[in-house]
């Protein structure tokens, strides 16, 4: 609900094991984007991540772990830059 998604955003829900004998299989993990989140241009969200309510993901960020609600994250990998007042 009310999520803003910029251009060239990649939301991936599948990955492959690193173990050589299992590498050709696929492992699915859901991605959850909560209400009023904002994903800037060229963001990459990896499998299993939840983007919290009102969170902002800065342009170009690679999100590898959950983003808490009411925060701004950015970088590679994405880290908390600041907290937002609800």
PDB file of N, CA and C in Angstrom:
ATOM      1  N   UNK A   1       0.837  -1.187   0.000  1.00  0.00           N
ATOM      2  CA  UNK A   1       0.000   0.000   0.000  1.00  0.00           C
ATOM      3  C   UNK A   1       0.880   1.248   0.000  1.00  0.00           C
ATOM      4  N   UNK A   2       0.632   2.122  -0.914  1.00  0.00           N
ATOM      5  CA  UNK A   2       1.287   3.431  -1.005  1.00  0.00           C
ATOM      6  C   UNK A   2       2.814   3.295  -1.063  1.00  0.00           C
ATOM      7  N   UNK A   3       3.311   2.275  -1.736  1.00  0.00           N
ATOM      8  CA  UNK A   3       4.755   2.067  -1.890  1.00  0.00           C
ATOM      9  C   UNK A   3       5.231   2.782  -3.145  1.00  0.00           C
ATOM     10  N   UNK A   4       6.359   3.496  -3.033  1.00  0.00           N
ATOM     11  CA  UNK A   4       6.950   4.146  -4.205  1.00  0.00           C
ATOM     12  C   UNK A   4       8.174   3.340  -4.627  1.00  0.00           C
ATOM     13  N   UNK A   5       8.248   3.020  -5.922  1.00  0.00           N
ATOM     14  CA  UNK A   5       9.354   2.230  -6.456  1.00  0.00           C
ATOM     15  C   UNK A   5       9.951   2.983  -7.635  1.00  0.00           C
ATOM     16  N   UNK A   6      11.231   3.348  -7.513  1.00  0.00           N
ATOM     17  CA  UNK A   6      11.923   4.076  -8.566  1.00  0.00           C
ATOM     18  C   UNK A   6      12.291   3.182  -9.741  1.00  0.00           C
ATOM     19  N   UNK A   7      12.869   3.788 -10.775  1.00  0.00           N
ATOM     20  CA  UNK A   7      13.258   3.022 -11.959  1.00  0.00           C
ATOM     21  C   UNK A   7      14.414   2.062 -11.675  1.00  0.00           C
ATOM     22  N   UNK A   8      14.448   0.966 -12.424  1.00  0.00           N
ATOM     23  CA  UNK A   8      15.514  -0.039 -12.390  1.00  0.00           C
ATOM     24  C   UNK A   8      15.687  -0.710 -11.022  1.00  0.00           C
ATOM     25  N   UNK A   9      14.601  -0.861 -10.283  1.00  0.00           N
ATOM     26  CA  UNK A   9      14.650  -1.570  -9.000  1.00  0.00           C
ATOM     27  C   UNK A   9      14.568  -3.064  -9.262  1.00  0.00           C
ATOM     28  N   UNK A  10      15.418  -3.846  -8.580  1.00  0.00           N
ATOM     29  CA  UNK A  10      15.396  -5.309  -8.688  1.00  0.00           C
ATOM     30  C   UNK A  10      14.966  -5.891  -7.348  1.00  0.00           C
ATOM     31  N   UNK A  11      13.891  -6.649  -7.368  1.00  0.00           N
ATOM     32  CA  UNK A  11      13.413  -7.339  -6.174  1.00  0.00           C
ATOM     33  C   UNK A  11      13.535  -8.828  -6.464  1.00  0.00           C
ATOM     34  N   UNK A  12      14.499  -9.469  -5.828  1.00  0.00           N
ATOM     35  CA  UNK A  12      14.777 -10.872  -6.124  1.00  0.00           C
ATOM     36  C   UNK A  12      14.270 -11.760  -5.001  1.00  0.00           C
ATOM     37  N   UNK A  13      13.602 -12.834  -5.372  1.00  0.00           N
ATOM     38  CA  UNK A  13      13.054 -13.743  -4.368  1.00  0.00           C
ATOM     39  C   UNK A  13      13.668 -15.135  -4.457  1.00  0.00           C
ATOM     40  N   UNK A  14      14.642 -15.302  -5.312  1.00  0.00           N
ATOM     41  CA  UNK A  14      15.294 -16.608  -5.400  1.00  0.00           C
ATOM     42  C   UNK A  14      16.811 -16.446  -5.417  1.00  0.00           C
ATOM     43  N   UNK A  15      17.455 -17.507  -4.962  1.00  0.00           N
ATOM     44  CA  UNK A  15      18.912 -17.531  -4.879  1.00  0.00           C
ATOM     45  C   UNK A  15      19.367 -18.957  -5.177  1.00  0.00           C
ATOM     46  N   UNK A  16      20.650 -19.150  -5.264  1.00  0.00           N
ATOM     47  CA  UNK A  16      21.232 -20.470  -5.501  1.00  0.00           C
ATOM     48  C   UNK A  16      22.223 -20.772  -4.386  1.00  0.00           C
ATOM     49  N   UNK A  17      22.272 -22.020  -3.932  1.00  0.00           N
ATOM     50  CA  UNK A  17      23.246 -22.393  -2.905  1.00  0.00           C
ATOM     51  C   UNK A  17      24.683 -22.203  -3.422  1.00  0.00           C
ATOM     52  N   UNK A  18      25.604 -21.945  -2.542  1.00  0.00           N
ATOM     53  CA  UNK A  18      27.004 -21.820  -2.953  1.00  0.00           C
ATOM     54  C   UNK A  18      27.689 -23.181  -3.037  1.00  0.00           C
ATOM     55  N   UNK A  19      27.123 -24.189  -2.352  1.00  0.00           N
ATOM     56  CA  UNK A  19      27.701 -25.536  -2.394  1.00  0.00           C
ATOM     57  C   UNK A  19      27.691 -26.025  -3.841  1.00  0.00           C
ATOM     58  N   UNK A  20      28.835 -26.442  -4.350  1.00  0.00           N
ATOM     59  CA  UNK A  20      28.997 -26.796  -5.765  1.00  0.00           C
ATOM     60  C   UNK A  20      28.005 -27.864  -6.212  1.00  0.00           C
ATOM     61  N   UNK A  21      27.806 -28.889  -5.422  1.00  0.00           N
ATOM     62  CA  UNK A  21      26.925 -29.984  -5.839  1.00  0.00           C
ATOM     63  C   UNK A  21      25.446 -29.581  -5.889  1.00  0.00           C
ATOM     64  N   UNK A  22      25.079 -28.484  -5.240  1.00  0.00           N
ATOM     65  CA  UNK A  22      23.682 -28.042  -5.207  1.00  0.00           C
ATOM     66  C   UNK A  22      23.466 -26.718  -5.932  1.00  0.00           C
ATOM     67  N   UNK A  23      24.467 -26.205  -6.562  1.00  0.00           N
ATOM     68  CA  UNK A  23      24.431 -24.869  -7.147  1.00  0.00           C
ATOM     69  C   UNK A  23      23.367 -24.698  -8.229  1.00  0.00           C
ATOM     70  N   UNK A  24      23.008 -25.767  -8.909  1.00  0.00           N
ATOM     71  CA  UNK A  24      22.036 -25.649  -9.999  1.00  0.00           C
ATOM     72  C   UNK A  24      20.592 -25.715  -9.511  1.00  0.00           C
ATOM     73  N   UNK A  25      20.386 -25.745  -8.205  1.00  0.00           N
ATOM     74  CA  UNK A  25      19.035 -25.702  -7.648  1.00  0.00           C
ATOM     75  C   UNK A  25      18.697 -24.261  -7.271  1.00  0.00           C
ATOM     76  N   UNK A  26      17.436 -24.033  -6.981  1.00  0.00           N
ATOM     77  CA  UNK A  26      17.005 -22.697  -6.617  1.00  0.00           C
ATOM     78  C   UNK A  26      16.359 -22.715  -5.236  1.00  0.00           C
ATOM     79  N   UNK A  27      16.623 -21.679  -4.451  1.00  0.00           N
ATOM     80  CA  UNK A  27      16.036 -21.535  -3.127  1.00  0.00           C
ATOM     81  C   UNK A  27      15.220 -20.243  -3.124  1.00  0.00           C
ATOM     82  N   UNK A  28      13.930 -20.378  -2.859  1.00  0.00           N
ATOM     83  CA  UNK A  28      13.052 -19.200  -2.839  1.00  0.00           C
ATOM     84  C   UNK A  28      12.907 -18.666  -1.425  1.00  0.00           C
ATOM     85  N   UNK A  29      12.900 -17.342  -1.308  1.00  0.00           N
ATOM     86  CA  UNK A  29      12.666 -16.662  -0.036  1.00  0.00           C
ATOM     87  C   UNK A  29      11.846 -15.413  -0.327  1.00  0.00           C
ATOM     88  N   UNK A  30      10.790 -15.237   0.398  1.00  0.00           N
ATOM     89  CA  UNK A  30       9.891 -14.126   0.128  1.00  0.00           C
ATOM     90  C   UNK A  30      10.507 -12.779   0.491  1.00  0.00           C
ATOM     91  N   UNK A  31      10.123 -11.757  -0.255  1.00  0.00           N
ATOM     92  CA  UNK A  31      10.470 -10.368   0.029  1.00  0.00           C
ATOM     93  C   UNK A  31       9.180  -9.669   0.433  1.00  0.00           C
ATOM     94  N   UNK A  32       9.221  -8.930   1.552  1.00  0.00           N
ATOM     95  CA  UNK A  32       8.042  -8.215   2.036  1.00  0.00           C
ATOM     96  C   UNK A  32       8.361  -6.722   2.040  1.00  0.00           C
ATOM     97  N   UNK A  33       7.478  -5.944   1.421  1.00  0.00           N
ATOM     98  CA  UNK A  33       7.625  -4.489   1.416  1.00  0.00           C
ATOM     99  C   UNK A  33       6.386  -3.925   2.090  1.00  0.00           C
ATOM    100  N   UNK A  34       6.596  -3.280   3.224  1.00  0.00           N
ATOM    101  CA  UNK A  34       5.474  -2.808   4.029  1.00  0.00           C
ATOM    102  C   UNK A  34       4.983  -1.429   3.588  1.00  0.00           C
ATOM    103  N   UNK A  35       3.886  -1.025   4.165  1.00  0.00           N
ATOM    104  CA  UNK A  35       3.159   0.191   3.800  1.00  0.00           C
ATOM    105  C   UNK A  35       4.049   1.442   3.809  1.00  0.00           C
ATOM    106  N   UNK A  36       3.877   2.258   2.780  1.00  0.00           N
ATOM    107  CA  UNK A  36       4.490   3.581   2.667  1.00  0.00           C
ATOM    108  C   UNK A  36       6.014   3.549   2.525  1.00  0.00           C
ATOM    109  N   UNK A  37       6.569   2.428   2.102  1.00  0.00           N
ATOM    110  CA  UNK A  37       8.017   2.360   1.869  1.00  0.00           C
ATOM    111  C   UNK A  37       8.351   3.068   0.558  1.00  0.00           C
ATOM    112  N   UNK A  38       9.599   3.468   0.432  1.00  0.00           N
ATOM    113  CA  UNK A  38      10.067   4.171  -0.767  1.00  0.00           C
ATOM    114  C   UNK A  38      11.394   3.549  -1.178  1.00  0.00           C
ATOM    115  N   UNK A  39      11.434   2.963  -2.376  1.00  0.00           N
ATOM    116  CA  UNK A  39      12.648   2.369  -2.919  1.00  0.00           C
ATOM    117  C   UNK A  39      13.166   3.290  -4.015  1.00  0.00           C
ATOM    118  N   UNK A  40      14.349   3.849  -3.819  1.00  0.00           N
ATOM    119  CA  UNK A  40      14.927   4.755  -4.801  1.00  0.00           C
ATOM    120  C   UNK A  40      15.382   4.030  -6.054  1.00  0.00           C
ATOM    121  N   UNK A  41      15.844   4.801  -7.027  1.00  0.00           N
ATOM    122  CA  UNK A  41      16.290   4.253  -8.306  1.00  0.00           C
ATOM    123  C   UNK A  41      17.436   3.265  -8.130  1.00  0.00           C
ATOM    124  N   UNK A  42      17.393   2.213  -8.924  1.00  0.00           N
ATOM    125  CA  UNK A  42      18.493   1.248  -9.015  1.00  0.00           C
ATOM    126  C   UNK A  42      18.781   0.508  -7.704  1.00  0.00           C
ATOM    127  N   UNK A  43      17.762   0.323  -6.880  1.00  0.00           N
ATOM    128  CA  UNK A  43      17.899  -0.426  -5.632  1.00  0.00           C
ATOM    129  C   UNK A  43      17.817  -1.915  -5.947  1.00  0.00           C
ATOM    130  N   UNK A  44      18.564  -2.726  -5.197  1.00  0.00           N
ATOM    131  CA  UNK A  44      18.473  -4.183  -5.298  1.00  0.00           C
ATOM    132  C   UNK A  44      18.068  -4.728  -3.932  1.00  0.00           C
ATOM    133  N   UNK A  45      16.976  -5.495  -3.912  1.00  0.00           N
ATOM    134  CA  UNK A  45      16.502  -6.139  -2.688  1.00  0.00           C
ATOM    135  C   UNK A  45      16.735  -7.640  -2.846  1.00  0.00           C
ATOM    136  N   UNK A  46      17.506  -8.234  -1.934  1.00  0.00           N
ATOM    137  CA  UNK A  46      17.827  -9.655  -2.017  1.00  0.00           C
ATOM    138  C   UNK A  46      16.774 -10.511  -1.313  1.00  0.00           C
ATOM    139  N   UNK A  47      16.767 -11.811  -1.590  1.00  0.00           N
ATOM    140  CA  UNK A  47      15.746 -12.708  -1.039  1.00  0.00           C
ATOM    141  C   UNK A  47      15.699 -12.703   0.489  1.00  0.00           C
ATOM    142  N   UNK A  48      14.484 -12.846   1.016  1.00  0.00           N
ATOM    143  CA  UNK A  48      14.295 -12.986   2.455  1.00  0.00           C
ATOM    144  C   UNK A  48      14.247 -11.681   3.230  1.00  0.00           C
ATOM    145  N   UNK A  49      14.290 -10.558   2.543  1.00  0.00           N
ATOM    146  CA  UNK A  49      14.357  -9.247   3.199  1.00  0.00           C
ATOM    147  C   UNK A  49      12.952  -8.680   3.398  1.00  0.00           C
ATOM    148  N   UNK A  50      12.759  -7.986   4.525  1.00  0.00           N
ATOM    149  CA  UNK A  50      11.543  -7.218   4.775  1.00  0.00           C
ATOM    150  C   UNK A  50      11.923  -5.745   4.860  1.00  0.00           C
ATOM    151  N   UNK A  51      11.214  -4.924   4.102  1.00  0.00           N
ATOM    152  CA  UNK A  51      11.387  -3.473   4.160  1.00  0.00           C
ATOM    153  C   UNK A  51      10.275  -2.951   5.057  1.00  0.00           C
ATOM    154  N   UNK A  52      10.646  -2.313   6.162  1.00  0.00           N
ATOM    155  CA  UNK A  52       9.675  -1.873   7.156  1.00  0.00           C
ATOM    156  C   UNK A  52       8.802  -0.712   6.708  1.00  0.00           C
ATOM    157  N   UNK A  53       7.724  -0.516   7.432  1.00  0.00           N
ATOM    158  CA  UNK A  53       6.775   0.556   7.153  1.00  0.00           C
ATOM    159  C   UNK A  53       7.470   1.921   7.206  1.00  0.00           C
ATOM    160  N   UNK A  54       7.193   2.760   6.242  1.00  0.00           N
ATOM    161  CA  UNK A  54       7.730   4.125   6.124  1.00  0.00           C
ATOM    162  C   UNK A  54       9.227   4.181   5.839  1.00  0.00           C
ATOM    163  N   UNK A  55       9.872   3.053   5.609  1.00  0.00           N
ATOM    164  CA  UNK A  55      11.316   3.042   5.368  1.00  0.00           C
ATOM    165  C   UNK A  55      11.636   3.629   3.996  1.00  0.00           C
ATOM    166  N   UNK A  56      12.825   4.216   3.892  1.00  0.00           N
ATOM    167  CA  UNK A  56      13.336   4.757   2.634  1.00  0.00           C
ATOM    168  C   UNK A  56      14.638   4.033   2.321  1.00  0.00           C
ATOM    169  N   UNK A  57      14.744   3.498   1.100  1.00  0.00           N
ATOM    170  CA  UNK A  57      15.968   2.862   0.641  1.00  0.00           C
ATOM    171  C   UNK A  57      16.580   3.785  -0.408  1.00  0.00           C
ATOM    172  N   UNK A  58      17.767   4.309  -0.114  1.00  0.00           N
ATOM    173  CA  UNK A  58      18.417   5.280  -0.992  1.00  0.00           C
ATOM    174  C   UNK A  58      18.805   4.661  -2.328  1.00  0.00           C
ATOM    175  N   UNK A  59      18.852   5.499  -3.346  1.00  0.00           N
ATOM    176  CA  UNK A  59      19.196   5.062  -4.698  1.00  0.00           C
ATOM    177  C   UNK A  59      20.509   4.291  -4.703  1.00  0.00           C
ATOM    178  N   UNK A  60      20.537   3.180  -5.432  1.00  0.00           N
ATOM    179  CA  UNK A  60      21.742   2.385  -5.600  1.00  0.00           C
ATOM    180  C   UNK A  60      22.052   1.426  -4.474  1.00  0.00           C
ATOM    181  N   UNK A  61      21.239   1.399  -3.432  1.00  0.00           N
ATOM    182  CA  UNK A  61      21.503   0.526  -2.285  1.00  0.00           C
ATOM    183  C   UNK A  61      21.274  -0.938  -2.645  1.00  0.00           C
ATOM    184  N   UNK A  62      22.021  -1.807  -1.976  1.00  0.00           N
ATOM    185  CA  UNK A  62      21.822  -3.250  -2.071  1.00  0.00           C
ATOM    186  C   UNK A  62      21.406  -3.720  -0.678  1.00  0.00           C
ATOM    187  N   UNK A  63      20.159  -4.166  -0.559  1.00  0.00           N
ATOM    188  CA  UNK A  63      19.596  -4.529   0.742  1.00  0.00           C
ATOM    189  C   UNK A  63      19.739  -6.025   0.951  1.00  0.00           C
ATOM    190  N   UNK A  64      20.551  -6.404   1.948  1.00  0.00           N
ATOM    191  CA  UNK A  64      20.835  -7.815   2.216  1.00  0.00           C
ATOM    192  C   UNK A  64      20.207  -8.301   3.518  1.00  0.00           C
ATOM    193  N   UNK A  65      19.675  -7.361   4.332  1.00  0.00           N
ATOM    194  CA  UNK A  65      19.008  -7.743   5.580  1.00  0.00           C
ATOM    195  C   UNK A  65      17.824  -6.815   5.811  1.00  0.00           C
ATOM    196  N   UNK A  66      16.971  -7.186   6.755  1.00  0.00           N
ATOM    197  CA  UNK A  66      15.750  -6.428   7.008  1.00  0.00           C
ATOM    198  C   UNK A  66      16.029  -4.960   7.303  1.00  0.00           C
ATOM    199  N   UNK A  67      15.120  -4.108   6.829  1.00  0.00           N
ATOM    200  CA  UNK A  67      15.194  -2.671   7.065  1.00  0.00           C
ATOM    201  C   UNK A  67      14.128  -2.322   8.107  1.00  0.00           C
ATOM    202  N   UNK A  68      14.515  -1.767   9.255  1.00  0.00           N
ATOM    203  CA  UNK A  68      13.522  -1.424  10.279  1.00  0.00           C
ATOM    204  C   UNK A  68      12.567  -0.333   9.807  1.00  0.00           C
ATOM    205  N   UNK A  69      11.389  -0.303  10.388  1.00  0.00           N
ATOM    206  CA  UNK A  69      10.429   0.742  10.047  1.00  0.00           C
ATOM    207  C   UNK A  69      10.992   2.113  10.416  1.00  0.00           C
ATOM    208  N   UNK A  70      10.531   3.131   9.701  1.00  0.00           N
ATOM    209  CA  UNK A  70      10.890   4.521   9.986  1.00  0.00           C
ATOM    210  C   UNK A  70      12.396   4.788   9.949  1.00  0.00           C
ATOM    211  N   UNK A  71      13.095   4.171   9.002  1.00  0.00           N
ATOM    212  CA  UNK A  71      14.526   4.428   8.843  1.00  0.00           C
ATOM    213  C   UNK A  71      14.851   4.735   7.387  1.00  0.00           C
ATOM    214  N   UNK A  72      16.006   5.365   7.192  1.00  0.00           N
ATOM    215  CA  UNK A  72      16.573   5.561   5.867  1.00  0.00           C
ATOM    216  C   UNK A  72      17.825   4.710   5.808  1.00  0.00           C
ATOM    217  N   UNK A  73      17.951   3.879   4.768  1.00  0.00           N
ATOM    218  CA  UNK A  73      19.137   3.053   4.594  1.00  0.00           C
ATOM    219  C   UNK A  73      19.758   3.358   3.239  1.00  0.00           C
ATOM    220  N   UNK A  74      21.060   3.132   3.134  1.00  0.00           N
ATOM    221  CA  UNK A  74      21.740   3.323   1.866  1.00  0.00           C
ATOM    222  C   UNK A  74      23.085   2.635   1.879  1.00  0.00           C
ATOM    223  N   UNK A  75      23.670   2.475   0.700  1.00  0.00           N
ATOM    224  CA  UNK A  75      24.996   1.889   0.561  1.00  0.00           C
ATOM    225  C   UNK A  75      24.972   0.451   0.106  1.00  0.00           C
ATOM    226  N   UNK A  76      26.192  -0.103   0.004  1.00  0.00           N
ATOM    227  CA  UNK A  76      26.383  -1.486  -0.430  1.00  0.00           C
ATOM    228  C   UNK A  76      27.325  -2.150   0.564  1.00  0.00           C
ATOM    229  N   UNK A  77      26.821  -3.008   1.432  1.00  0.00           N
ATOM    230  CA  UNK A  77      25.415  -3.310   1.659  1.00  0.00           C
ATOM    231  C   UNK A  77      24.724  -2.147   2.383  1.00  0.00           C
ATOM    232  N   UNK A  78      23.397  -2.106   2.303  1.00  0.00           N
ATOM    233  CA  UNK A  78      22.630  -1.021   2.914  1.00  0.00           C
ATOM    234  C   UNK A  78      22.780  -1.020   4.428  1.00  0.00           C
ATOM    235  N   UNK A  79      22.984   0.185   4.973  1.00  0.00           N
ATOM    236  CA  UNK A  79      23.086   0.390   6.418  1.00  0.00           C
ATOM    237  C   UNK A  79      22.192   1.554   6.802  1.00  0.00           C
ATOM    238  N   UNK A  80      21.794   1.600   8.064  1.00  0.00           N
ATOM    239  CA  UNK A  80      20.947   2.681   8.533  1.00  0.00           C
ATOM    240  C   UNK A  80      21.720   3.999   8.487  1.00  0.00           C
ATOM    241  N   UNK A  81      21.119   4.984   7.824  1.00  0.00           N
ATOM    242  CA  UNK A  81      21.699   6.321   7.737  1.00  0.00           C
ATOM    243  C   UNK A  81      21.071   7.228   8.791  1.00  0.00           C
ATOM    244  N   UNK A  82      19.749   7.118   8.931  1.00  0.00           N
ATOM    245  CA  UNK A  82      19.071   7.899   9.976  1.00  0.00           C
ATOM    246  C   UNK A  82      17.712   7.300  10.262  1.00  0.00           C
ATOM    247  N   UNK A  83      17.144   7.720  11.375  1.00  0.00           N
ATOM    248  CA  UNK A  83      15.803   7.308  11.749  1.00  0.00           C
ATOM    249  C   UNK A  83      14.843   8.440  11.454  1.00  0.00           C
ATOM    250  N   UNK A  84      13.636   8.081  11.040  1.00  0.00           N
ATOM    251  CA  UNK A  84      12.602   9.062  10.705  1.00  0.00           C
ATOM    252  C   UNK A  84      11.602   9.165  11.848  1.00  0.00           C
ATOM    253  N   UNK A  85      11.087  10.359  12.062  1.00  0.00           N
ATOM    254  CA  UNK A  85      10.032  10.530  13.049  1.00  0.00           C
ATOM    255  C   UNK A  85       8.713  10.105  12.419  1.00  0.00           C
ATOM    256  N   UNK A  86       7.976   9.219  13.093  1.00  0.00           N
ATOM    257  CA  UNK A  86       6.702   8.748  12.512  1.00  0.00           C
ATOM    258  C   UNK A  86       5.659   9.857  12.424  1.00  0.00           C
TER     259      UNK A  86
END
